[in-house]
Amino acid sequence: MKERALIVDDDAELLGILKKYLENHGLEVITAANGAEALAAAPSGKPDIIITDVEMPRMDGLTLCRRVKDNKVLSDIPVIIMTGKKISEADQVHGYGCGADDYVVKPFSYPVLLAKAKAMLRRAARGKKKTDVMKAGVLELNLEGRTIKLKGKPVKLTSKEFDLLHTLVSKPGKVLSLNSLLEAVWGYNTADYNDPHTVEVHVSNLRRKIGTFGKRIQAVPGHGYKFD
């Protein structure tokens, strides 16, 4: 299975060139024009690495980096920052403080960027304790195929229902707030959108589809939900 990069830049021409270059060198690529789009795309796109510009409308690259690293689901994804100017030591310290793993300065060498990305992907792969199948009692989640089985029988879920179930099952016994679920599953910036009804409706639909097993998804009034 190919590793996937999320490239973020408001320069459409550069975005297209980078996409083609990385695809020609064995990576799958998804793109976004700014940090807000990237944050929305990441939960379902499931990138293995993010390569982002700094100065963009709506949400800049450093804010995106910080939001990714603060997100319980996305925090392990390495981030390379592309900057259009020579950066000072103070800028680098600030960037690393936001969670950046490395920098490249435009105009940069595409082979060097590729080498940096592949080195990070190797380190991330060594650090991952990821299995293709997650089990919780009679529930079996296939993380690669994004399918589930209950007592060996397939159950059809929407993409968001799968992400919601996976997020909850990944943190057994931990109460996940409505805001953290909105960020992890939907990629929303909860400063702009924090309607709890979105989560509640999806939890209700998910419980209905998984029958009695749905009782393990417990509401914690005033806080959120947990999988027990």
Protein backbone atom coordinates (compact mmCIF):
# COMPACT_ATOMS: atom_id res chain seq x y z
CA MET A 1 0.00 0.00 0.00
CA LYS A 2 1.42 3.38 -1.02
CA GLU A 3 2.14 6.02 1.59
CA ARG A 4 0.06 9.17 1.27
CA ALA A 5 1.15 12.81 1.41
CA LEU A 6 -1.10 15.80 1.99
CA ILE A 7 0.37 18.88 0.27
CA VAL A 8 -0.96 22.28 1.32
CA ASP A 9 -0.28 25.48 -0.64
CA ASP A 10 -2.34 28.32 -2.12
CA ASP A 11 -0.03 28.37 -5.17
CA ALA A 12 -1.97 26.10 -7.55
CA GLU A 13 0.93 25.81 -10.00
CA LEU A 14 3.41 24.64 -7.35
CA LEU A 15 0.77 22.33 -5.89
CA GLY A 16 0.33 20.65 -9.27
CA ILE A 17 4.06 20.29 -9.86
CA LEU A 18 4.70 18.82 -6.41
CA LYS A 19 1.75 16.46 -6.72
CA LYS A 20 3.01 15.07 -10.01
CA TYR A 21 6.61 14.79 -8.77
CA LEU A 22 5.72 12.90 -5.59
CA GLU A 23 3.28 10.63 -7.43
CA ASN A 24 6.01 9.82 -9.96
CA HIS A 25 8.19 8.76 -7.03
CA GLY A 26 5.78 6.34 -5.43
CA LEU A 27 3.55 8.40 -3.14
CA GLU A 28 -0.19 8.92 -3.21
CA VAL A 29 -1.00 12.63 -2.96
CA ILE A 30 -3.99 14.64 -1.79
CA THR A 31 -3.97 18.44 -1.88
CA ALA A 32 -5.48 21.44 -0.13
CA ALA A 33 -5.27 25.17 -0.86
CA ASN A 34 -5.04 26.31 2.78
CA GLY A 35 -4.82 25.07 6.34
CA ALA A 36 -8.57 24.98 6.91
CA GLU A 37 -9.10 22.75 3.87
CA ALA A 38 -6.23 20.51 4.98
CA LEU A 39 -7.59 20.12 8.50
CA ALA A 40 -10.97 19.14 7.08
CA ALA A 41 -9.43 16.65 4.63
CA ALA A 42 -6.97 14.96 6.99
CA PRO A 43 -9.32 12.78 9.10
CA SER A 44 -10.81 10.97 6.10
CA GLY A 45 -7.77 11.35 3.81
CA LYS A 46 -5.51 9.77 6.43
CA PRO A 47 -2.18 11.16 5.19
CA ASP A 48 1.09 9.64 6.39
CA ILE A 49 2.87 13.01 6.06
CA ILE A 50 1.83 16.66 5.63
CA ILE A 51 3.90 19.13 3.58
CA THR A 52 2.59 22.66 4.01
CA ASP A 53 3.36 26.23 3.01
CA VAL A 54 3.42 28.87 5.76
CA GLU A 55 1.64 31.93 4.39
CA MET A 56 -1.88 31.03 3.22
CA PRO A 57 -5.38 32.52 3.55
CA ARG A 58 -7.92 31.26 6.12
CA MET A 59 -5.38 29.23 8.11
CA ASP A 60 -1.59 29.51 7.83
CA GLY A 61 0.80 26.59 7.89
CA LEU A 62 2.04 27.02 11.45
CA THR A 63 -1.52 27.17 12.79
CA LEU A 64 -2.31 24.04 10.78
CA CYS A 65 0.76 22.35 12.23
CA ARG A 66 -0.24 23.24 15.77
CA ARG A 67 -3.82 22.04 15.21
CA VAL A 68 -2.60 18.74 13.77
CA LYS A 69 -0.28 18.11 16.70
CA ASP A 70 -3.03 19.00 19.20
CA ASN A 71 -5.46 16.58 17.54
CA LYS A 72 -5.53 13.16 19.24
CA VAL A 73 -6.08 11.33 15.95
CA LEU A 74 -3.66 13.30 13.75
CA SER A 75 -0.86 14.09 16.18
CA ASP A 76 1.55 11.38 14.98
CA ILE A 77 1.62 12.67 11.39
CA PRO A 78 5.00 14.28 10.57
CA VAL A 79 4.86 17.82 9.14
CA ILE A 80 7.33 19.50 6.78
CA ILE A 81 7.04 23.28 6.52
CA MET A 82 7.75 25.03 3.19
CA THR A 83 8.69 28.66 3.64
CA GLY A 84 9.22 31.29 0.97
CA LYS A 85 11.88 33.20 2.88
CA LYS A 86 15.12 32.51 4.66
CA ILE A 87 14.15 31.73 8.23
CA SER A 88 15.90 32.98 11.32
CA GLU A 89 16.81 30.83 14.29
CA ALA A 90 13.90 32.37 16.21
CA ASP A 91 11.49 31.46 13.38
CA GLN A 92 12.75 27.89 13.39
CA VAL A 93 12.37 27.62 17.15
CA HIS A 94 8.82 28.95 16.86
CA GLY A 95 8.03 26.49 14.07
CA TYR A 96 9.39 23.52 15.96
CA GLY A 97 7.39 24.71 18.96
CA CYS A 98 4.26 24.50 16.79
CA GLY A 99 5.13 20.87 16.04
CA ALA A 100 7.01 21.14 12.72
CA ASP A 101 9.33 18.21 12.09
CA ASP A 102 11.45 19.84 9.37
CA TYR A 103 11.75 22.85 7.03
CA VAL A 104 12.52 23.48 3.37
CA VAL A 105 13.09 26.98 1.97
CA LYS A 106 11.65 27.92 -1.43
CA PRO A 107 12.93 27.52 -4.07
CA PHE A 108 13.92 24.05 -2.90
CA SER A 109 15.24 20.91 -4.55
CA TYR A 110 12.45 18.42 -5.21
CA PRO A 111 14.80 15.44 -4.67
CA VAL A 112 15.83 16.88 -1.28
CA LEU A 113 12.18 17.37 -0.27
CA LEU A 114 11.42 13.80 -1.36
CA ALA A 115 14.41 12.49 0.61
CA LYS A 116 13.31 14.36 3.74
CA ALA A 117 9.74 13.08 3.35
CA LYS A 118 10.82 9.46 2.86
CA ALA A 119 13.19 9.63 5.84
CA MET A 120 10.34 10.88 8.03
CA LEU A 121 7.99 8.21 6.71
CA ARG A 122 10.55 5.51 7.58
CA ARG A 123 10.91 6.86 11.11
CA ALA A 124 7.14 7.14 11.51
CA ALA A 125 6.66 3.57 10.25
CA ARG A 126 9.18 2.26 12.78
CA GLY A 127 7.41 4.13 15.55
CA LYS A 128 3.93 2.98 14.63
CA LYS A 129 2.35 0.08 16.40
CA LYS A 130 -0.42 -0.05 13.88
CA THR A 131 -2.39 -3.14 13.01
CA ASP A 132 -4.66 -3.48 10.03
CA VAL A 133 -7.36 -5.02 12.20
CA MET A 134 -8.63 -3.70 15.52
CA LYS A 135 -10.80 -5.91 17.73
CA ALA A 136 -13.05 -5.04 20.66
CA GLY A 137 -15.12 -7.98 21.81
CA VAL A 138 -17.35 -9.10 18.93
CA LEU A 139 -16.41 -6.01 16.90
CA GLU A 140 -13.70 -6.16 14.24
CA LEU A 141 -12.53 -3.03 12.41
CA ASN A 142 -10.48 -3.39 9.25
CA LEU A 143 -8.51 -0.14 9.21
CA GLU A 144 -7.13 -0.54 5.71
CA GLY A 145 -10.42 -1.54 4.08
CA ARG A 146 -12.44 0.74 6.39
CA THR A 147 -15.00 -1.98 7.05
CA ILE A 148 -16.42 -3.53 10.19
CA LYS A 149 -17.81 -6.89 11.23
CA LEU A 150 -19.96 -7.78 14.23
CA LYS A 151 -19.84 -11.45 15.21
CA GLY A 152 -18.23 -12.07 11.83
CA LYS A 153 -21.01 -10.39 9.84
CA PRO A 154 -20.32 -7.22 7.80
CA VAL A 155 -22.09 -4.02 8.84
CA LYS A 156 -22.26 -1.14 6.38
CA LEU A 157 -21.26 2.26 7.79
CA THR A 158 -20.77 5.65 6.22
CA SER A 159 -17.24 7.06 6.15
CA LYS A 160 -17.91 9.39 9.10
CA GLU A 161 -19.61 6.64 11.12
CA PHE A 162 -16.53 4.46 10.63
CA ASP A 163 -14.21 7.31 11.68
CA LEU A 164 -16.39 8.03 14.72
CA LEU A 165 -16.43 4.39 15.81
CA HIS A 166 -12.69 4.03 15.23
CA THR A 167 -11.96 7.17 17.25
CA LEU A 168 -14.06 5.99 20.20
CA VAL A 169 -12.80 2.39 20.16
CA SER A 170 -9.20 3.64 19.99
CA LYS A 171 -9.63 5.35 23.38
CA PRO A 172 -11.47 2.81 25.57
CA GLY A 173 -12.74 4.27 28.83
CA LYS A 174 -11.66 7.81 27.88
CA VAL A 175 -14.30 10.52 27.70
CA LEU A 176 -14.00 12.35 24.38
CA SER A 177 -15.59 15.79 24.36
CA LEU A 178 -17.98 16.82 21.61
CA ASN A 179 -15.45 19.41 20.43
CA SER A 180 -12.61 16.87 20.27
CA LEU A 181 -14.83 14.54 18.20
CA LEU A 182 -15.80 17.37 15.85
CA GLU A 183 -12.11 18.10 15.31
CA ALA A 184 -10.90 14.49 15.07
CA VAL A 185 -13.68 13.05 12.90
CA TRP A 186 -14.91 16.05 10.90
CA GLY A 187 -11.83 18.27 10.94
CA TYR A 188 -13.86 21.26 12.09
CA ASN A 189 -12.32 24.28 13.75
CA THR A 190 -14.55 24.39 16.83
CA ALA A 191 -13.92 28.10 17.22
CA ASP A 192 -16.01 28.46 14.04
CA TYR A 193 -18.36 25.47 14.29
CA ASN A 194 -19.25 23.49 17.40
CA ASP A 195 -22.82 22.26 16.93
CA PRO A 196 -23.14 19.15 19.17
CA HIS A 197 -26.09 17.97 17.07
CA THR A 198 -23.65 16.80 14.37
CA VAL A 199 -22.03 14.32 16.76
CA GLU A 200 -25.28 13.32 18.45
CA VAL A 201 -27.01 12.43 15.15
CA HIS A 202 -24.06 10.34 13.97
CA VAL A 203 -23.80 8.54 17.33
CA SER A 204 -27.52 7.76 17.16
CA ASN A 205 -27.23 6.37 13.63
CA LEU A 206 -24.11 4.40 14.54
CA ARG A 207 -25.76 2.82 17.59
CA ARG A 208 -28.77 1.83 15.49
CA LYS A 209 -26.58 0.10 12.92
CA ILE A 210 -24.47 -1.87 15.40
CA GLY A 211 -27.40 -2.98 17.56
CA THR A 212 -26.79 -4.09 21.14
CA PHE A 213 -23.06 -3.46 20.76
CA GLY A 214 -23.99 0.23 20.55
CA LYS A 215 -24.61 0.20 24.30
CA ARG A 216 -20.85 0.30 24.74
CA ILE A 217 -20.88 3.85 23.33
CA GLN A 218 -21.92 5.74 26.43
CA ALA A 219 -23.01 9.35 26.71
CA VAL A 220 -21.37 11.32 29.51
CA PRO A 221 -23.79 14.23 30.10
CA GLY A 222 -22.15 17.63 29.86
CA HIS A 223 -18.93 16.15 28.49
CA GLY A 224 -19.22 13.86 25.47
CA TYR A 225 -18.99 10.13 24.79
CA LYS A 226 -16.82 7.19 25.72
CA PHE A 227 -16.42 3.60 24.60
CA ASP A 228 -16.60 1.21 27.53
